[in-house]
Amino acid sequence: MVPIALEQAVGWERLSPLDDVAIEGLLVGTLLTLIYVPVYAYVFDGE
């Protein structure tokens, strides 16, 4: 996905905005899964 986002893939330049959204979505989903959910569970677990 990175070559498409950087517009280095020949013929795929038109998909660059879609690829930006996909990369950002993967990053946000990963951060939420690895940081937010465990912290939320720890705070509201009641232990």
PDB file of N, CA and C in Angstrom:
ATOM      1  N   MET A   1       0.812  -1.191   0.000  1.00  0.00           N
ATOM      2  CA  MET A   1       0.000   0.000   0.000  1.00  0.00           C
ATOM      3  C   MET A   1       0.860   1.261   0.000  1.00  0.00           C
ATOM      4  N   VAL A   2       2.038   1.190   0.568  1.00  0.00           N
ATOM      5  CA  VAL A   2       2.871   2.385   0.681  1.00  0.00           C
ATOM      6  C   VAL A   2       3.287   2.928  -0.694  1.00  0.00           C
ATOM      7  N   PRO A   3       3.705   2.090  -1.649  1.00  0.00           N
ATOM      8  CA  PRO A   3       4.040   2.658  -2.956  1.00  0.00           C
ATOM      9  C   PRO A   3       2.859   3.354  -3.634  1.00  0.00           C
ATOM     10  N   ILE A   4       1.664   2.830  -3.428  1.00  0.00           N
ATOM     11  CA  ILE A   4       0.487   3.477  -4.010  1.00  0.00           C
ATOM     12  C   ILE A   4       0.234   4.814  -3.318  1.00  0.00           C
ATOM     13  N   ALA A   5       0.360   4.850  -1.995  1.00  0.00           N
ATOM     14  CA  ALA A   5       0.128   6.087  -1.256  1.00  0.00           C
ATOM     15  C   ALA A   5       1.151   7.161  -1.617  1.00  0.00           C
ATOM     16  N   LEU A   6       2.375   6.746  -1.906  1.00  0.00           N
ATOM     17  CA  LEU A   6       3.413   7.702  -2.287  1.00  0.00           C
ATOM     18  C   LEU A   6       3.407   8.001  -3.782  1.00  0.00           C
ATOM     19  N   GLU A   7       2.444   7.434  -4.488  1.00  0.00           N
ATOM     20  CA  GLU A   7       2.264   7.620  -5.937  1.00  0.00           C
ATOM     21  C   GLU A   7       3.493   7.189  -6.728  1.00  0.00           C
ATOM     22  N   GLN A   8       4.106   6.077  -6.312  1.00  0.00           N
ATOM     23  CA  GLN A   8       5.254   5.533  -7.027  1.00  0.00           C
ATOM     24  C   GLN A   8       4.870   4.330  -7.876  1.00  0.00           C
ATOM     25  N   ALA A   9       3.663   3.843  -7.733  1.00  0.00           N
ATOM     26  CA  ALA A   9       3.197   2.704  -8.516  1.00  0.00           C
ATOM     27  C   ALA A   9       2.610   3.231  -9.827  1.00  0.00           C
ATOM     28  N   VAL A  10       3.176   2.811 -10.931  1.00  0.00           N
ATOM     29  CA  VAL A  10       2.757   3.303 -12.238  1.00  0.00           C
ATOM     30  C   VAL A  10       1.349   2.821 -12.547  1.00  0.00           C
ATOM     31  N   GLY A  11       0.459   3.743 -12.852  1.00  0.00           N
ATOM     32  CA  GLY A  11      -0.908   3.424 -13.215  1.00  0.00           C
ATOM     33  C   GLY A  11      -1.864   3.345 -12.035  1.00  0.00           C
ATOM     34  N   TRP A  12      -1.383   3.446 -10.826  1.00  0.00           N
ATOM     35  CA  TRP A  12      -2.218   3.325  -9.633  1.00  0.00           C
ATOM     36  C   TRP A  12      -2.367   4.661  -8.910  1.00  0.00           C
ATOM     37  N   GLU A  13      -1.943   5.750  -9.504  1.00  0.00           N
ATOM     38  CA  GLU A  13      -1.981   7.049  -8.852  1.00  0.00           C
ATOM     39  C   GLU A  13      -3.394   7.472  -8.468  1.00  0.00           C
ATOM     40  N   ARG A  14      -4.376   7.023  -9.216  1.00  0.00           N
ATOM     41  CA  ARG A  14      -5.759   7.416  -8.931  1.00  0.00           C
ATOM     42  C   ARG A  14      -6.287   6.786  -7.636  1.00  0.00           C
ATOM     43  N   LEU A  15      -5.634   5.741  -7.148  1.00  0.00           N
ATOM     44  CA  LEU A  15      -6.059   5.086  -5.912  1.00  0.00           C
ATOM     45  C   LEU A  15      -5.346   5.627  -4.677  1.00  0.00           C
ATOM     46  N   SER A  16      -4.519   6.640  -4.846  1.00  0.00           N
ATOM     47  CA  SER A  16      -3.751   7.189  -3.730  1.00  0.00           C
ATOM     48  C   SER A  16      -4.630   7.678  -2.581  1.00  0.00           C
ATOM     49  N   PRO A  17      -5.716   8.429  -2.818  1.00  0.00           N
ATOM     50  CA  PRO A  17      -6.556   8.861  -1.689  1.00  0.00           C
ATOM     51  C   PRO A  17      -7.202   7.686  -0.952  1.00  0.00           C
ATOM     52  N   LEU A  18      -7.618   6.681  -1.668  1.00  0.00           N
ATOM     53  CA  LEU A  18      -8.216   5.503  -1.045  1.00  0.00           C
ATOM     54  C   LEU A  18      -7.191   4.761  -0.194  1.00  0.00           C
ATOM     55  N   ASP A  19      -5.983   4.696  -0.671  1.00  0.00           N
ATOM     56  CA  ASP A  19      -4.922   4.034   0.064  1.00  0.00           C
ATOM     57  C   ASP A  19      -4.554   4.806   1.330  1.00  0.00           C
ATOM     58  N   ASP A  20      -4.591   6.128   1.266  1.00  0.00           N
ATOM     59  CA  ASP A  20      -4.340   6.935   2.466  1.00  0.00           C
ATOM     60  C   ASP A  20      -5.362   6.618   3.550  1.00  0.00           C
ATOM     61  N   VAL A  21      -6.612   6.501   3.161  1.00  0.00           N
ATOM     62  CA  VAL A  21      -7.670   6.189   4.121  1.00  0.00           C
ATOM     63  C   VAL A  21      -7.474   4.781   4.695  1.00  0.00           C
ATOM     64  N   ALA A  22      -7.077   3.841   3.863  1.00  0.00           N
ATOM     65  CA  ALA A  22      -6.863   2.469   4.331  1.00  0.00           C
ATOM     66  C   ALA A  22      -5.713   2.399   5.332  1.00  0.00           C
ATOM     67  N   ILE A  23      -4.620   3.077   5.046  1.00  0.00           N
ATOM     68  CA  ILE A  23      -3.471   3.068   5.944  1.00  0.00           C
ATOM     69  C   ILE A  23      -3.831   3.733   7.265  1.00  0.00           C
ATOM     70  N   GLU A  24      -4.493   4.880   7.220  1.00  0.00           N
ATOM     71  CA  GLU A  24      -4.880   5.570   8.452  1.00  0.00           C
ATOM     72  C   GLU A  24      -5.865   4.728   9.263  1.00  0.00           C
ATOM     73  N   GLY A  25      -6.783   4.061   8.609  1.00  0.00           N
ATOM     74  CA  GLY A  25      -7.730   3.204   9.309  1.00  0.00           C
ATOM     75  C   GLY A  25      -7.052   2.039   9.997  1.00  0.00           C
ATOM     76  N   LEU A  26      -6.074   1.440   9.337  1.00  0.00           N
ATOM     77  CA  LEU A  26      -5.324   0.348   9.963  1.00  0.00           C
ATOM     78  C   LEU A  26      -4.540   0.840  11.171  1.00  0.00           C
ATOM     79  N   LEU A  27      -3.934   2.014  11.066  1.00  0.00           N
ATOM     80  CA  LEU A  27      -3.178   2.564  12.194  1.00  0.00           C
ATOM     81  C   LEU A  27      -4.087   2.883  13.378  1.00  0.00           C
ATOM     82  N   VAL A  28      -5.216   3.515  13.111  1.00  0.00           N
ATOM     83  CA  VAL A  28      -6.144   3.857  14.188  1.00  0.00           C
ATOM     84  C   VAL A  28      -6.703   2.585  14.832  1.00  0.00           C
ATOM     85  N   GLY A  29      -7.080   1.619  14.038  1.00  0.00           N
ATOM     86  CA  GLY A  29      -7.599   0.368  14.575  1.00  0.00           C
ATOM     87  C   GLY A  29      -6.574  -0.365  15.423  1.00  0.00           C
ATOM     88  N   THR A  30      -5.327  -0.362  14.992  1.00  0.00           N
ATOM     89  CA  THR A  30      -4.271  -1.010  15.757  1.00  0.00           C
ATOM     90  C   THR A  30      -4.036  -0.300  17.078  1.00  0.00           C
ATOM     91  N   LEU A  31      -3.969   1.023  17.047  1.00  0.00           N
ATOM     92  CA  LEU A  31      -3.756   1.775  18.280  1.00  0.00           C
ATOM     93  C   LEU A  31      -4.913   1.601  19.257  1.00  0.00           C
ATOM     94  N   LEU A  32      -6.128   1.618  18.754  1.00  0.00           N
ATOM     95  CA  LEU A  32      -7.277   1.424  19.632  1.00  0.00           C
ATOM     96  C   LEU A  32      -7.267   0.035  20.252  1.00  0.00           C
ATOM     97  N   THR A  33      -6.910  -0.958  19.471  1.00  0.00           N
ATOM     98  CA  THR A  33      -6.904  -2.323  19.967  1.00  0.00           C
ATOM     99  C   THR A  33      -5.794  -2.552  20.986  1.00  0.00           C
ATOM    100  N   LEU A  34      -4.630  -1.996  20.754  1.00  0.00           N
ATOM    101  CA  LEU A  34      -3.488  -2.275  21.618  1.00  0.00           C
ATOM    102  C   LEU A  34      -3.379  -1.348  22.821  1.00  0.00           C
ATOM    103  N   ILE A  35      -3.981  -0.166  22.761  1.00  0.00           N
ATOM    104  CA  ILE A  35      -3.836   0.800  23.858  1.00  0.00           C
ATOM    105  C   ILE A  35      -5.175   1.101  24.525  1.00  0.00           C
ATOM    106  N   TYR A  36      -6.153   1.554  23.777  1.00  0.00           N
ATOM    107  CA  TYR A  36      -7.399   2.043  24.356  1.00  0.00           C
ATOM    108  C   TYR A  36      -8.209   0.930  25.026  1.00  0.00           C
ATOM    109  N   VAL A  37      -8.370  -0.173  24.361  1.00  0.00           N
ATOM    110  CA  VAL A  37      -9.203  -1.254  24.910  1.00  0.00           C
ATOM    111  C   VAL A  37      -8.618  -1.827  26.198  1.00  0.00           C
ATOM    112  N   PRO A  38      -7.317  -2.129  26.273  1.00  0.00           N
ATOM    113  CA  PRO A  38      -6.789  -2.627  27.548  1.00  0.00           C
ATOM    114  C   PRO A  38      -6.891  -1.601  28.683  1.00  0.00           C
ATOM    115  N   VAL A  39      -6.639  -0.336  28.398  1.00  0.00           N
ATOM    116  CA  VAL A  39      -6.753   0.695  29.433  1.00  0.00           C
ATOM    117  C   VAL A  39      -8.199   0.820  29.886  1.00  0.00           C
ATOM    118  N   TYR A  40      -9.129   0.821  28.969  1.00  0.00           N
ATOM    119  CA  TYR A  40     -10.550   0.902  29.297  1.00  0.00           C
ATOM    120  C   TYR A  40     -10.977  -0.286  30.155  1.00  0.00           C
ATOM    121  N   ALA A  41     -10.518  -1.465  29.798  1.00  0.00           N
ATOM    122  CA  ALA A  41     -10.840  -2.669  30.555  1.00  0.00           C
ATOM    123  C   ALA A  41     -10.231  -2.612  31.948  1.00  0.00           C
ATOM    124  N   TYR A  42      -9.029  -2.116  32.050  1.00  0.00           N
ATOM    125  CA  TYR A  42      -8.371  -2.021  33.361  1.00  0.00           C
ATOM    126  C   TYR A  42      -9.085  -1.029  34.282  1.00  0.00           C
ATOM    127  N   VAL A  43      -9.485   0.111  33.739  1.00  0.00           N
ATOM    128  CA  VAL A  43     -10.119   1.152  34.543  1.00  0.00           C
ATOM    129  C   VAL A  43     -11.506   0.735  34.996  1.00  0.00           C
ATOM    130  N   PHE A  44     -12.289   0.141  34.113  1.00  0.00           N
ATOM    131  CA  PHE A  44     -13.683  -0.163  34.419  1.00  0.00           C
ATOM    132  C   PHE A  44     -13.937  -1.618  34.806  1.00  0.00           C
ATOM    133  N   ASP A  45     -12.892  -2.376  35.029  1.00  0.00           N
ATOM    134  CA  ASP A  45     -13.057  -3.787  35.388  1.00  0.00           C
ATOM    135  C   ASP A  45     -13.538  -3.931  36.839  1.00  0.00           C
ATOM    136  N   GLY A  46     -13.169  -3.014  37.692  1.00  0.00           N
ATOM    137  CA  GLY A  46     -13.636  -3.041  39.061  1.00  0.00           C
ATOM    138  C   GLY A  46     -12.752  -3.799  40.016  1.00  0.00           C
ATOM    139  N   GLU A  47     -11.546  -4.080  39.615  1.00  0.00           N
ATOM    140  CA  GLU A  47     -10.638  -4.796  40.513  1.00  0.00           C
ATOM    141  C   GLU A  47      -9.905  -3.841  41.411  1.00  0.00           C
TER     142      GLU A  47
END
